[in-house]
Protein backbone atom coordinates (compact mmCIF):
# COMPACT_ATOMS: atom_id res chain seq x y z
CA MET A 1 29.05 38.32 -1.84
CA ARG A 2 25.90 39.63 -0.13
CA ASP A 3 23.91 37.12 1.90
CA LEU A 4 20.41 38.27 2.77
CA THR A 5 18.86 34.80 2.81
CA TYR A 6 21.57 32.53 4.21
CA PRO A 7 21.68 33.87 7.84
CA PRO A 8 17.91 33.55 8.50
CA ILE A 9 17.91 30.12 6.82
CA ILE A 10 20.64 28.99 9.22
CA LEU A 11 18.73 30.30 12.23
CA THR A 12 15.60 28.49 11.05
CA ALA A 13 17.55 25.27 10.53
CA LEU A 14 19.14 25.48 13.99
CA ALA A 15 15.71 26.03 15.56
CA SER A 16 14.42 22.98 13.67
CA PHE A 17 17.36 20.89 14.90
CA ARG A 18 16.59 21.87 18.49
CA ALA A 19 12.92 21.03 18.02
CA LEU A 20 13.90 17.61 16.70
CA GLY A 21 16.23 17.03 19.64
CA ILE A 22 19.16 16.33 17.32
CA LYS A 23 22.42 15.59 19.09
CA PHE A 24 25.48 16.70 17.15
CA ARG A 25 28.95 15.22 17.23
CA LEU A 26 31.39 17.47 15.39
CA SER A 27 35.09 16.73 15.04
CA GLY A 28 37.95 18.15 13.02
CA THR A 29 36.15 21.43 12.32
CA GLU A 30 39.37 23.28 13.19
CA HIS A 31 40.64 22.20 9.76
CA VAL A 32 38.22 24.62 8.07
CA PRO A 33 40.11 27.90 7.61
CA ARG A 34 38.44 31.07 8.78
CA GLU A 35 39.15 32.82 5.50
CA GLY A 36 40.25 32.07 1.95
CA GLY A 37 39.03 29.58 -0.59
CA VAL A 38 38.45 26.01 0.56
CA LEU A 39 36.70 23.05 -1.03
CA LEU A 40 34.73 20.65 1.20
CA ALA A 41 34.32 17.20 -0.35
CA CYS A 42 31.42 15.47 1.41
CA ASN A 43 30.09 11.92 1.40
CA HIS A 44 26.49 11.61 0.27
CA ILE A 45 24.02 9.38 2.11
CA GLY A 46 20.80 11.40 2.31
CA TYR A 47 18.76 14.19 0.79
CA ALA A 48 19.49 16.60 3.65
CA ASP A 49 23.29 16.31 3.42
CA PHE A 50 23.72 19.79 1.96
CA VAL A 51 21.89 21.19 5.01
CA PHE A 52 24.03 19.37 7.55
CA GLY A 53 27.27 19.53 5.57
CA GLY A 54 27.41 23.29 5.98
CA LEU A 55 27.66 22.83 9.75
CA ALA A 56 31.23 21.59 9.26
CA ALA A 57 32.20 25.19 8.51
CA ARG A 58 29.99 26.89 11.11
CA PRO A 59 32.65 26.94 13.90
CA SER A 60 34.87 28.86 11.46
CA ARG A 61 31.98 31.22 10.67
CA ARG A 62 31.93 30.23 7.01
CA LEU A 63 28.99 29.89 4.64
CA VAL A 64 29.31 26.98 2.23
CA ARG A 65 28.21 27.28 -1.42
CA PHE A 66 27.20 23.78 -2.47
CA MET A 67 27.35 22.41 -5.98
CA ALA A 68 23.92 20.88 -6.65
CA LYS A 69 22.17 19.31 -9.60
CA LYS A 70 20.31 21.46 -12.09
CA GLU A 71 16.97 19.78 -11.33
CA ILE A 72 16.89 21.48 -7.91
CA PHE A 73 17.46 24.89 -9.50
CA ASP A 74 14.65 24.18 -11.97
CA HIS A 75 12.13 23.77 -9.13
CA PRO A 76 9.82 26.81 -8.83
CA VAL A 77 10.39 27.13 -5.06
CA ALA A 78 13.78 25.52 -4.41
CA GLY A 79 15.41 27.16 -7.43
CA PRO A 80 15.11 30.80 -6.33
CA LEU A 81 16.11 29.80 -2.79
CA MET A 82 19.24 28.01 -4.02
CA ARG A 83 20.23 31.02 -6.10
CA SER A 84 19.69 33.39 -3.17
CA LEU A 85 22.11 31.24 -1.16
CA HIS A 86 24.64 31.48 -4.02
CA HIS A 87 24.86 27.73 -4.47
CA ILE A 88 26.27 26.46 -7.77
CA GLU A 89 24.08 24.84 -10.42
CA VAL A 90 25.47 21.64 -11.94
CA ASP A 91 24.21 20.42 -15.31
CA ARG A 92 25.42 16.82 -15.46
CA GLY A 93 25.29 16.88 -19.24
CA GLU A 94 27.36 20.07 -19.46
CA GLY A 95 29.48 20.24 -16.33
CA ILE A 96 32.22 22.56 -17.55
CA ALA A 97 30.26 25.71 -16.65
CA SER A 98 29.79 24.63 -13.01
CA TYR A 99 33.47 23.62 -12.88
CA HIS A 100 34.56 27.13 -13.85
CA GLU A 101 32.00 28.71 -11.52
CA ALA A 102 33.32 26.69 -8.58
CA VAL A 103 36.90 27.69 -9.41
CA ARG A 104 35.82 31.35 -9.59
CA TYR A 105 34.10 31.16 -6.20
CA LEU A 106 37.17 29.56 -4.64
CA ARG A 107 39.54 32.13 -6.11
CA GLU A 108 37.30 34.82 -4.63
CA GLY A 109 37.80 33.27 -1.19
CA GLU A 110 34.54 31.33 -0.83
CA ALA A 111 33.98 27.96 0.86
CA VAL A 112 32.50 25.54 -1.68
CA GLY A 113 30.91 22.16 -0.98
CA ILE A 114 30.91 19.26 -3.42
CA PHE A 115 29.59 15.69 -3.35
CA PRO A 116 32.23 13.82 -5.38
CA GLU A 117 30.10 10.63 -5.45
CA ALA A 118 27.58 12.73 -7.43
CA THR A 119 24.58 10.71 -6.17
CA ILE A 120 23.46 9.21 -2.87
CA SER A 121 25.22 6.00 -1.85
CA ARG A 122 22.51 3.46 -1.15
CA ALA A 123 25.16 1.31 0.55
CA PHE A 124 25.94 4.21 2.92
CA VAL A 125 29.66 3.71 2.35
CA VAL A 126 31.81 5.73 -0.03
CA LYS A 127 31.26 4.59 -3.60
CA GLU A 128 33.36 5.51 -6.61
CA ILE A 129 34.01 9.22 -6.79
CA LYS A 130 34.62 11.60 -9.66
CA THR A 131 37.87 13.47 -10.29
CA GLY A 132 36.11 16.84 -10.33
CA ALA A 133 36.85 17.67 -6.70
CA VAL A 134 40.62 17.32 -6.97
CA ARG A 135 40.69 19.06 -10.36
CA ILE A 136 38.71 22.03 -9.04
CA ALA A 137 40.86 22.35 -5.90
CA ALA A 138 44.06 22.04 -7.94
CA GLU A 139 43.05 24.70 -10.47
CA ALA A 140 41.90 27.10 -7.77
CA GLN A 141 44.96 26.24 -5.65
CA VAL A 142 42.95 25.77 -2.47
CA PRO A 143 42.92 23.08 0.23
CA LEU A 144 40.56 20.13 -0.24
CA LEU A 145 38.91 18.93 2.96
CA PRO A 146 37.33 15.46 3.26
CA VAL A 147 34.04 15.69 5.20
CA VAL A 148 31.81 12.84 6.29
CA MET A 149 28.31 12.84 7.74
CA TRP A 150 26.56 10.02 9.53
CA GLY A 151 22.97 9.81 10.74
CA THR A 152 21.54 12.20 8.15
CA HIS A 153 20.27 9.23 6.14
CA ARG A 154 18.17 8.07 9.07
CA MET A 155 15.97 11.13 8.49
CA ILE A 156 15.53 11.17 4.72
CA THR A 157 17.21 9.12 2.01
CA LYS A 158 16.44 6.90 -0.96
CA ASP A 159 14.20 3.82 -0.67
CA HIS A 160 13.09 4.52 2.92
CA PRO A 161 10.28 6.56 4.48
CA LYS A 162 11.08 9.91 6.07
CA ASP A 163 11.67 9.78 9.82
CA PHE A 164 11.88 13.07 11.70
CA SER A 165 11.32 11.58 15.13
CA ARG A 166 13.27 13.16 17.95
CA GLY A 167 16.61 12.32 19.46
CA LYS A 168 18.79 11.24 16.55
CA THR A 169 22.55 11.77 16.57
CA ILE A 170 24.20 13.45 13.60
CA ALA A 171 27.96 13.05 13.36
CA ILE A 172 30.08 15.31 11.16
CA ALA A 173 33.85 14.86 10.83
CA VAL A 174 36.38 16.94 8.91
CA GLY A 175 39.70 15.45 7.91
CA GLU A 176 43.09 17.07 7.45
CA PRO A 177 43.46 19.16 4.29
CA LEU A 178 44.67 17.61 1.06
CA ARG A 179 46.64 19.68 -1.43
CA PRO A 180 45.96 18.31 -4.91
CA THR A 181 48.24 19.53 -7.69
CA GLY A 182 46.26 18.19 -10.63
CA GLU A 183 49.31 16.34 -11.96
CA ASP A 184 47.60 12.96 -11.42
CA PRO A 185 43.86 13.47 -10.79
CA VAL A 186 43.17 9.73 -10.65
CA ALA A 187 45.76 9.09 -7.92
CA GLU A 188 44.71 12.20 -6.01
CA THR A 189 41.06 11.15 -6.24
CA ALA A 190 42.04 7.76 -4.80
CA GLU A 191 43.73 9.62 -1.94
CA LEU A 192 40.54 11.60 -1.31
CA LYS A 193 38.44 8.43 -1.37
CA ALA A 194 40.77 6.74 1.12
CA ALA A 195 40.55 9.77 3.43
CA LEU A 196 36.75 9.75 3.26
CA GLU A 197 36.63 6.00 3.93
CA ALA A 198 38.93 6.28 6.96
CA LEU A 199 36.90 9.16 8.40
CA LEU A 200 33.61 7.36 7.84
CA ASP A 201 34.90 4.16 9.42
CA GLN A 202 35.89 6.05 12.56
CA VAL A 203 32.59 7.93 12.72
CA ILE A 204 30.53 4.75 12.36
CA ARG A 205 32.56 2.99 15.05
CA ASP A 206 32.18 5.95 17.43
CA TYR A 207 28.44 6.36 16.80
CA PRO A 208 26.13 5.49 19.72
CA ALA A 209 25.66 1.70 19.65
CA ASP A 210 22.07 1.95 20.86
CA GLU A 211 21.21 4.00 17.75
CA GLN A 212 22.54 1.46 15.26
CA PRO A 213 21.88 -2.07 16.52
CA PRO A 214 22.94 -5.01 14.32
CA GLY A 215 20.64 -5.44 11.35
CA SER A 216 19.68 -1.77 11.13
CA TRP A 217 18.76 -0.73 7.60
CA TRP A 218 20.89 2.40 7.94
CA LEU A 219 24.01 0.43 8.87
CA PRO A 220 26.28 -0.83 6.04
CA ALA A 221 26.38 -4.57 5.46
CA SER A 222 30.10 -4.62 6.28
CA TYR A 223 29.26 -3.34 9.79
CA GLY A 224 26.51 -5.86 10.45
CA GLY A 225 23.62 -3.86 9.05
CA SER A 226 21.10 -4.71 6.36
CA ALA A 227 21.94 -1.92 3.90
CA PRO A 228 22.73 -3.06 0.35
CA THR A 229 26.30 -3.92 -0.53
CA LEU A 230 28.05 -1.65 -3.04
CA GLU A 231 27.30 -4.21 -5.77
CA GLU A 232 23.62 -4.43 -4.83
CA ALA A 233 23.41 -0.64 -4.61
CA ALA A 234 24.95 -0.32 -8.08
CA ALA A 235 22.24 -2.59 -9.47
CA LEU A 236 19.55 -0.46 -7.81
CA ASP A 237 21.15 2.70 -9.23
CA ALA A 238 21.18 1.19 -12.71
CA ALA A 239 17.51 0.21 -12.45
CA GLU A 240 16.60 3.71 -11.27
CA LYS A 241 18.52 5.23 -14.19
CA ARG A 242 16.65 3.01 -16.67
CA GLU A 243 13.30 3.99 -15.13
CA ARG A 244 14.14 7.70 -15.41
CA ALA A 245 15.16 7.25 -19.03
CA ALA A 246 11.90 5.42 -19.76
CA ARG A 247 9.85 8.22 -18.15
CA ARG A 248 11.69 10.84 -20.19
CA ALA A 249 11.03 8.87 -23.37
CA GLN A 250 7.33 8.63 -22.50
CA ARG A 251 7.12 12.38 -21.90
CA ARG A 252 8.83 13.09 -25.23
CA ALA A 253 6.46 10.68 -27.00
CA ALA A 254 3.44 12.33 -25.39
CA LYS A 255 4.60 15.77 -26.54
CA GLY A 256 5.40 14.51 -30.03
């Protein structure tokens, strides 16, 4: 797979990280194989996660092809860029095509990234995840790596203003590979969720204390922060979904 766009994009991103004074804490990156298909299952806490998630594979000199929602590919600027990076378009209403595309990429030896929570967790902890990750890894017969990021949400996420001030720490941790068989996707998905939760717990506890004082909006409620609980976040997600549906109905009515 030819990559004319990806290398300069990475160099630009790295220069931006230096300009922002970002301090990185990477762990477990040795679990990313240097060759062969591998699926990275990442937590999702901010809009820039697909940018930072790829760094998990950088020590192994891999380029990650992320599965991303169709709306991004429909954008006049972001769409062509995403295609040039060979990311995978996901139509949530018709996901079978992206499923088969991800399996094809993996069988061809690519590293693929997926966000099994599907949408950003407003609670900043791992919410319920879909079975797609384990089913894709099982069908392609590739290792499934749990990956967690922390600190990315402090820059840009839902419900909060952007903050690109200097000196933030971004932590990225890769767990030991899982080998789903597909015989029990529900149980194997629960195993993935438990692995993500354990990784995230360790990363949060190891994060610089002076960057997440008690009461911080970016710190989960269970760790003394003021982020919504999973139940509160679910209510916010439901309200957002209703608002989107109402806007779509208004647009259809205006056209009709």
